[in-house]
Amino acid sequence: MDFGSYIREIRKSKNISLREAARRSEMSHPYLSQIETGKNTKPTPTIIKKLAKGLNVPYMQLMEKAGYADYSYETVAERLVTIDQVNKSQDLYALLHDNEDLYYNEYLLTHDDKKFLLQVMERTFGYHQ
């Protein structure tokens, strides 16, 4: 059984609609449909992680079914942490709180610059954490 059929079988066995499974997995229902119908045959480990969460099944079980069986748990976990770090690095709030150098048009932002920008954003968008 291919990966998409496997996902569809799990979803149907839990009496979850395609739209609900997609919502729980934090993806669009057309994208999930492409996985289930085999139009997308090699979802990334990040997508598989979302599916595992959304369908409430073990992550490594889906990884193996998707053909990532040669990956050890440590390798996959390390890769997901790296992916998560990349995603978080795009969060302006996180960037401004980071101790790494941050530039604007070749100007190195100081700690006070970052603090000021945070204050402006918090006034503009509200405080989020």
N, C-alpha and C. Protein backbone atom coordinates (compact mmCIF):
# COMPACT_ATOMS: atom_id res chain seq x y z
N MET A 1 0.85 -1.18 0.00
CA MET A 1 0.00 0.00 0.00
C MET A 1 0.89 1.24 0.00
N ASP A 2 0.57 2.20 -0.88
CA ASP A 2 1.38 3.41 -0.95
C ASP A 2 1.04 4.34 0.22
N PHE A 3 1.88 5.36 0.40
CA PHE A 3 1.75 6.26 1.55
C PHE A 3 0.39 6.97 1.56
N GLY A 4 -0.02 7.49 0.41
CA GLY A 4 -1.29 8.22 0.35
C GLY A 4 -2.48 7.38 0.73
N SER A 5 -2.51 6.14 0.22
CA SER A 5 -3.60 5.22 0.56
C SER A 5 -3.58 4.90 2.05
N TYR A 6 -2.38 4.78 2.58
CA TYR A 6 -2.21 4.50 4.00
C TYR A 6 -2.79 5.64 4.84
N ILE A 7 -2.49 6.87 4.45
CA ILE A 7 -3.01 8.04 5.17
C ILE A 7 -4.54 8.07 5.07
N ARG A 8 -5.06 7.83 3.87
CA ARG A 8 -6.52 7.83 3.68
C ARG A 8 -7.17 6.76 4.55
N GLU A 9 -6.55 5.58 4.62
CA GLU A 9 -7.09 4.49 5.42
C GLU A 9 -7.14 4.87 6.90
N ILE A 10 -6.06 5.47 7.39
CA ILE A 10 -6.03 5.91 8.79
C ILE A 10 -7.12 6.94 9.04
N ARG A 11 -7.22 7.91 8.15
CA ARG A 11 -8.22 8.97 8.31
C ARG A 11 -9.63 8.41 8.34
N LYS A 12 -9.92 7.52 7.41
CA LYS A 12 -11.27 6.95 7.33
C LYS A 12 -11.56 6.04 8.53
N SER A 13 -10.55 5.32 9.00
CA SER A 13 -10.76 4.43 10.15
C SER A 13 -11.11 5.23 11.41
N LYS A 14 -10.69 6.50 11.43
CA LYS A 14 -10.99 7.37 12.57
C LYS A 14 -12.22 8.23 12.31
N ASN A 15 -12.90 7.98 11.18
CA ASN A 15 -14.09 8.74 10.80
C ASN A 15 -13.84 10.25 10.79
N ILE A 16 -12.75 10.64 10.18
CA ILE A 16 -12.39 12.05 10.07
C ILE A 16 -12.51 12.45 8.60
N SER A 17 -13.17 13.54 8.33
CA SER A 17 -13.28 14.03 6.95
C SER A 17 -11.92 14.53 6.48
N LEU A 18 -11.79 14.65 5.17
CA LEU A 18 -10.56 15.17 4.59
C LEU A 18 -10.29 16.59 5.10
N ARG A 19 -11.33 17.41 5.10
CA ARG A 19 -11.15 18.80 5.57
C ARG A 19 -10.75 18.86 7.04
N GLU A 20 -11.36 18.02 7.86
CA GLU A 20 -11.03 18.02 9.29
C GLU A 20 -9.61 17.51 9.51
N ALA A 21 -9.23 16.48 8.80
CA ALA A 21 -7.86 15.96 8.92
C ALA A 21 -6.85 17.01 8.49
N ALA A 22 -7.16 17.73 7.42
CA ALA A 22 -6.27 18.79 6.96
C ALA A 22 -6.17 19.90 8.00
N ARG A 23 -7.32 20.27 8.57
CA ARG A 23 -7.31 21.32 9.60
C ARG A 23 -6.46 20.90 10.79
N ARG A 24 -6.66 19.67 11.26
CA ARG A 24 -5.90 19.16 12.40
C ARG A 24 -4.41 19.06 12.08
N SER A 25 -4.10 18.84 10.82
CA SER A 25 -2.71 18.69 10.39
C SER A 25 -2.09 20.01 9.94
N GLU A 26 -2.87 21.09 10.05
CA GLU A 26 -2.40 22.43 9.71
C GLU A 26 -1.91 22.52 8.27
N MET A 27 -2.75 22.00 7.35
CA MET A 27 -2.45 22.10 5.92
C MET A 27 -3.76 22.26 5.18
N SER A 28 -3.68 22.60 3.91
CA SER A 28 -4.90 22.77 3.13
C SER A 28 -5.47 21.40 2.75
N HIS A 29 -6.78 21.34 2.59
CA HIS A 29 -7.38 20.06 2.21
C HIS A 29 -7.00 19.65 0.78
N PRO A 30 -6.79 20.60 -0.16
CA PRO A 30 -6.32 20.15 -1.47
C PRO A 30 -4.93 19.49 -1.40
N TYR A 31 -4.07 20.01 -0.53
CA TYR A 31 -2.74 19.43 -0.39
C TYR A 31 -2.84 18.02 0.20
N LEU A 32 -3.67 17.85 1.22
CA LEU A 32 -3.86 16.52 1.80
C LEU A 32 -4.45 15.57 0.77
N SER A 33 -5.36 16.06 -0.04
CA SER A 33 -5.94 15.24 -1.10
C SER A 33 -4.87 14.79 -2.08
N GLN A 34 -3.94 15.67 -2.41
CA GLN A 34 -2.84 15.30 -3.32
C GLN A 34 -1.99 14.19 -2.71
N ILE A 35 -1.79 14.24 -1.42
CA ILE A 35 -1.03 13.18 -0.75
C ILE A 35 -1.80 11.87 -0.82
N GLU A 36 -3.08 11.93 -0.47
CA GLU A 36 -3.90 10.72 -0.44
C GLU A 36 -4.08 10.08 -1.82
N THR A 37 -4.16 10.90 -2.86
CA THR A 37 -4.37 10.35 -4.21
C THR A 37 -3.07 10.00 -4.92
N GLY A 38 -1.94 10.26 -4.28
CA GLY A 38 -0.65 9.90 -4.86
C GLY A 38 -0.07 10.93 -5.80
N LYS A 39 -0.67 12.10 -5.89
CA LYS A 39 -0.11 13.16 -6.72
C LYS A 39 1.12 13.77 -6.06
N ASN A 40 1.18 13.69 -4.76
CA ASN A 40 2.36 14.11 -4.00
C ASN A 40 2.85 12.85 -3.29
N THR A 41 3.88 12.24 -3.83
CA THR A 41 4.31 10.93 -3.34
C THR A 41 5.42 10.98 -2.30
N LYS A 42 6.04 12.13 -2.11
CA LYS A 42 7.16 12.19 -1.16
C LYS A 42 7.06 13.43 -0.28
N PRO A 43 6.09 13.45 0.66
CA PRO A 43 6.00 14.60 1.57
C PRO A 43 7.26 14.69 2.44
N THR A 44 7.60 15.88 2.83
CA THR A 44 8.79 16.11 3.65
C THR A 44 8.55 15.62 5.08
N PRO A 45 9.63 15.42 5.84
CA PRO A 45 9.46 15.05 7.25
C PRO A 45 8.63 16.06 8.04
N THR A 46 8.69 17.32 7.68
CA THR A 46 7.89 18.33 8.37
C THR A 46 6.41 18.10 8.12
N ILE A 47 6.04 17.81 6.89
CA ILE A 47 4.65 17.53 6.55
C ILE A 47 4.19 16.25 7.25
N ILE A 48 5.05 15.26 7.28
CA ILE A 48 4.72 13.99 7.94
C ILE A 48 4.52 14.21 9.43
N LYS A 49 5.30 15.10 10.01
CA LYS A 49 5.14 15.43 11.42
C LYS A 49 3.76 16.04 11.67
N LYS A 50 3.34 16.91 10.76
CA LYS A 50 2.01 17.53 10.88
C LYS A 50 0.91 16.47 10.74
N LEU A 51 1.07 15.56 9.79
CA LEU A 51 0.09 14.49 9.60
C LEU A 51 0.00 13.60 10.84
N ALA A 52 1.15 13.27 11.40
CA ALA A 52 1.16 12.42 12.59
C ALA A 52 0.39 13.08 13.73
N LYS A 53 0.61 14.36 13.90
CA LYS A 53 -0.10 15.10 14.95
C LYS A 53 -1.59 15.15 14.64
N GLY A 54 -1.93 15.50 13.40
CA GLY A 54 -3.32 15.66 13.01
C GLY A 54 -4.12 14.37 13.05
N LEU A 55 -3.48 13.25 12.73
CA LEU A 55 -4.17 11.96 12.73
C LEU A 55 -3.94 11.17 14.01
N ASN A 56 -3.11 11.73 14.91
CA ASN A 56 -2.81 11.10 16.19
C ASN A 56 -2.24 9.69 16.01
N VAL A 57 -1.17 9.64 15.20
CA VAL A 57 -0.44 8.38 14.98
C VAL A 57 1.04 8.64 15.21
N PRO A 58 1.81 7.59 15.53
CA PRO A 58 3.24 7.80 15.78
C PRO A 58 3.97 8.34 14.55
N TYR A 59 4.75 9.34 14.79
CA TYR A 59 5.51 10.01 13.74
C TYR A 59 6.41 9.03 12.98
N MET A 60 7.17 8.22 13.71
CA MET A 60 8.11 7.31 13.05
C MET A 60 7.37 6.26 12.22
N GLN A 61 6.18 5.90 12.61
CA GLN A 61 5.38 4.96 11.82
C GLN A 61 5.10 5.55 10.44
N LEU A 62 4.72 6.82 10.40
CA LEU A 62 4.47 7.48 9.12
C LEU A 62 5.77 7.70 8.34
N MET A 63 6.84 8.00 9.04
CA MET A 63 8.13 8.19 8.36
C MET A 63 8.54 6.91 7.63
N GLU A 64 8.39 5.79 8.30
CA GLU A 64 8.75 4.51 7.68
C GLU A 64 7.85 4.22 6.49
N LYS A 65 6.55 4.46 6.64
CA LYS A 65 5.61 4.20 5.55
C LYS A 65 5.88 5.11 4.35
N ALA A 66 6.39 6.31 4.59
CA ALA A 66 6.70 7.25 3.52
C ALA A 66 8.04 6.97 2.85
N GLY A 67 8.76 5.96 3.37
CA GLY A 67 10.03 5.61 2.74
C GLY A 67 11.25 6.22 3.38
N TYR A 68 11.08 6.76 4.56
CA TYR A 68 12.21 7.32 5.29
C TYR A 68 12.76 6.33 6.30
N ALA A 69 12.57 5.04 6.06
CA ALA A 69 12.96 4.02 7.03
C ALA A 69 14.46 4.01 7.29
N ASP A 70 15.24 4.47 6.32
CA ASP A 70 16.68 4.48 6.51
C ASP A 70 17.13 5.59 7.45
N TYR A 71 16.22 6.48 7.83
CA TYR A 71 16.54 7.53 8.78
C TYR A 71 16.44 6.98 10.19
N SER A 72 17.42 7.28 11.00
CA SER A 72 17.30 6.91 12.41
C SER A 72 16.46 7.98 13.09
N TYR A 73 15.92 7.65 14.24
CA TYR A 73 15.11 8.61 14.98
C TYR A 73 15.93 9.87 15.28
N GLU A 74 17.18 9.70 15.65
CA GLU A 74 18.02 10.84 16.00
C GLU A 74 18.24 11.75 14.80
N THR A 75 18.46 11.16 13.63
CA THR A 75 18.67 11.96 12.43
C THR A 75 17.43 12.77 12.09
N VAL A 76 16.28 12.14 12.16
CA VAL A 76 15.03 12.83 11.85
C VAL A 76 14.77 13.93 12.87
N ALA A 77 14.95 13.62 14.13
CA ALA A 77 14.71 14.61 15.18
C ALA A 77 15.66 15.80 15.00
N GLU A 78 16.91 15.50 14.70
CA GLU A 78 17.89 16.57 14.49
C GLU A 78 17.49 17.44 13.30
N ARG A 79 17.02 16.81 12.25
CA ARG A 79 16.61 17.54 11.05
C ARG A 79 15.38 18.41 11.34
N LEU A 80 14.43 17.89 12.09
CA LEU A 80 13.24 18.67 12.42
C LEU A 80 13.58 19.85 13.32
N VAL A 81 14.50 19.66 14.25
CA VAL A 81 14.92 20.76 15.11
C VAL A 81 15.54 21.85 14.24
N THR A 82 16.37 21.45 13.27
CA THR A 82 16.98 22.42 12.37
C THR A 82 15.91 23.15 11.57
N ILE A 83 14.91 22.42 11.05
CA ILE A 83 13.83 23.04 10.30
C ILE A 83 13.07 24.00 11.19
N ASP A 84 12.77 23.58 12.44
CA ASP A 84 12.07 24.46 13.37
C ASP A 84 12.87 25.71 13.65
N GLN A 85 14.20 25.57 13.78
CA GLN A 85 15.04 26.73 14.03
C GLN A 85 15.02 27.69 12.85
N VAL A 86 15.03 27.16 11.65
CA VAL A 86 14.96 28.01 10.47
C VAL A 86 13.64 28.76 10.45
N ASN A 87 12.53 28.05 10.73
CA ASN A 87 11.24 28.71 10.74
C ASN A 87 11.18 29.79 11.81
N LYS A 88 11.72 29.51 12.99
CA LYS A 88 11.70 30.50 14.06
C LYS A 88 12.60 31.68 13.73
N SER A 89 13.67 31.44 12.94
CA SER A 89 14.58 32.53 12.62
C SER A 89 13.90 33.58 11.75
N GLN A 90 12.77 33.25 11.17
CA GLN A 90 12.03 34.20 10.35
C GLN A 90 11.06 35.03 11.19
N ASP A 91 10.93 34.73 12.45
CA ASP A 91 10.03 35.46 13.34
C ASP A 91 10.76 36.72 13.83
N LEU A 92 10.24 37.87 13.44
CA LEU A 92 10.90 39.12 13.79
C LEU A 92 11.03 39.30 15.30
N TYR A 93 10.02 38.90 16.04
CA TYR A 93 10.08 38.97 17.51
C TYR A 93 11.29 38.19 18.02
N ALA A 94 11.46 36.96 17.52
CA ALA A 94 12.58 36.12 17.94
C ALA A 94 13.91 36.73 17.50
N LEU A 95 13.96 37.25 16.28
CA LEU A 95 15.20 37.86 15.79
C LEU A 95 15.61 39.05 16.64
N LEU A 96 14.65 39.86 17.05
CA LEU A 96 14.97 41.03 17.84
C LEU A 96 15.36 40.67 19.27
N HIS A 97 14.96 39.52 19.75
CA HIS A 97 15.34 39.06 21.08
C HIS A 97 16.64 38.26 21.07
N ASP A 98 17.06 37.88 19.90
CA ASP A 98 18.26 37.06 19.76
C ASP A 98 19.50 37.92 20.01
N ASN A 99 20.56 37.30 20.51
CA ASN A 99 21.80 38.03 20.77
C ASN A 99 22.69 38.11 19.53
N GLU A 100 22.25 37.53 18.43
CA GLU A 100 23.02 37.57 17.20
C GLU A 100 22.95 38.96 16.58
N ASP A 101 23.94 39.27 15.73
CA ASP A 101 23.94 40.55 15.03
C ASP A 101 22.77 40.61 14.06
N LEU A 102 22.15 41.76 14.01
CA LEU A 102 21.04 42.00 13.10
C LEU A 102 21.30 43.33 12.42
N TYR A 103 21.14 43.35 11.10
CA TYR A 103 21.46 44.53 10.32
C TYR A 103 20.22 45.08 9.62
N TYR A 104 20.25 46.38 9.40
CA TYR A 104 19.26 47.03 8.55
C TYR A 104 20.05 47.88 7.57
N ASN A 105 19.98 47.51 6.30
CA ASN A 105 20.67 48.26 5.24
C ASN A 105 22.14 48.51 5.60
N GLU A 106 22.81 47.45 6.01
CA GLU A 106 24.23 47.44 6.38
C GLU A 106 24.53 48.14 7.70
N TYR A 107 23.51 48.58 8.42
CA TYR A 107 23.69 49.20 9.73
C TYR A 107 23.45 48.15 10.80
N LEU A 108 24.43 47.95 11.67
CA LEU A 108 24.31 46.99 12.76
C LEU A 108 23.40 47.56 13.84
N LEU A 109 22.31 46.85 14.10
CA LEU A 109 21.38 47.31 15.12
C LEU A 109 21.98 47.08 16.51
N THR A 110 21.89 48.08 17.35
CA THR A 110 22.35 47.96 18.73
C THR A 110 21.24 47.34 19.56
N HIS A 111 21.55 47.02 20.79
CA HIS A 111 20.54 46.49 21.72
C HIS A 111 19.41 47.50 21.87
N ASP A 112 19.76 48.79 21.99
CA ASP A 112 18.74 49.83 22.13
C ASP A 112 17.88 49.95 20.87
N ASP A 113 18.49 49.77 19.70
CA ASP A 113 17.71 49.80 18.45
C ASP A 113 16.68 48.68 18.45
N LYS A 114 17.12 47.49 18.83
CA LYS A 114 16.22 46.34 18.85
C LYS A 114 15.09 46.57 19.86
N LYS A 115 15.44 47.11 21.02
CA LYS A 115 14.44 47.37 22.05
C LYS A 115 13.41 48.38 21.56
N PHE A 116 13.88 49.43 20.89
CA PHE A 116 12.97 50.43 20.34
C PHE A 116 12.04 49.82 19.30
N LEU A 117 12.57 49.01 18.40
CA LEU A 117 11.76 48.36 17.37
C LEU A 117 10.70 47.46 18.00
N LEU A 118 11.08 46.74 19.04
CA LEU A 118 10.11 45.89 19.74
C LEU A 118 8.98 46.72 20.33
N GLN A 119 9.33 47.86 20.92
CA GLN A 119 8.31 48.73 21.51
C GLN A 119 7.35 49.24 20.44
N VAL A 120 7.89 49.63 19.29
CA VAL A 120 7.05 50.11 18.20
C VAL A 120 6.12 49.01 17.72
N MET A 121 6.65 47.82 17.56
CA MET A 121 5.83 46.70 17.09
C MET A 121 4.78 46.32 18.12
N GLU A 122 5.14 46.33 19.39
CA GLU A 122 4.16 45.99 20.43
C GLU A 122 3.03 47.01 20.47
N ARG A 123 3.35 48.29 20.23
CA ARG A 123 2.31 49.31 20.19
C ARG A 123 1.45 49.14 18.93
N THR A 124 2.08 48.75 17.85
CA THR A 124 1.38 48.59 16.58
C THR A 124 0.53 47.33 16.51
N PHE A 125 1.13 46.21 16.92
CA PHE A 125 0.47 44.91 16.76
C PHE A 125 -0.05 44.34 18.06
N GLY A 126 0.30 44.93 19.18
CA GLY A 126 -0.06 44.37 20.47
C GLY A 126 1.04 43.43 20.93
N TYR A 127 1.04 43.12 22.18
CA TYR A 127 2.06 42.25 22.75
C TYR A 127 1.70 40.80 22.50
N HIS A 128 2.62 40.05 21.89
CA HIS A 128 2.41 38.63 21.62
C HIS A 128 3.60 37.86 22.16
N GLN A 129 3.29 36.72 22.77
CA GLN A 129 4.37 35.86 23.23
C GLN A 129 3.98 34.43 23.13
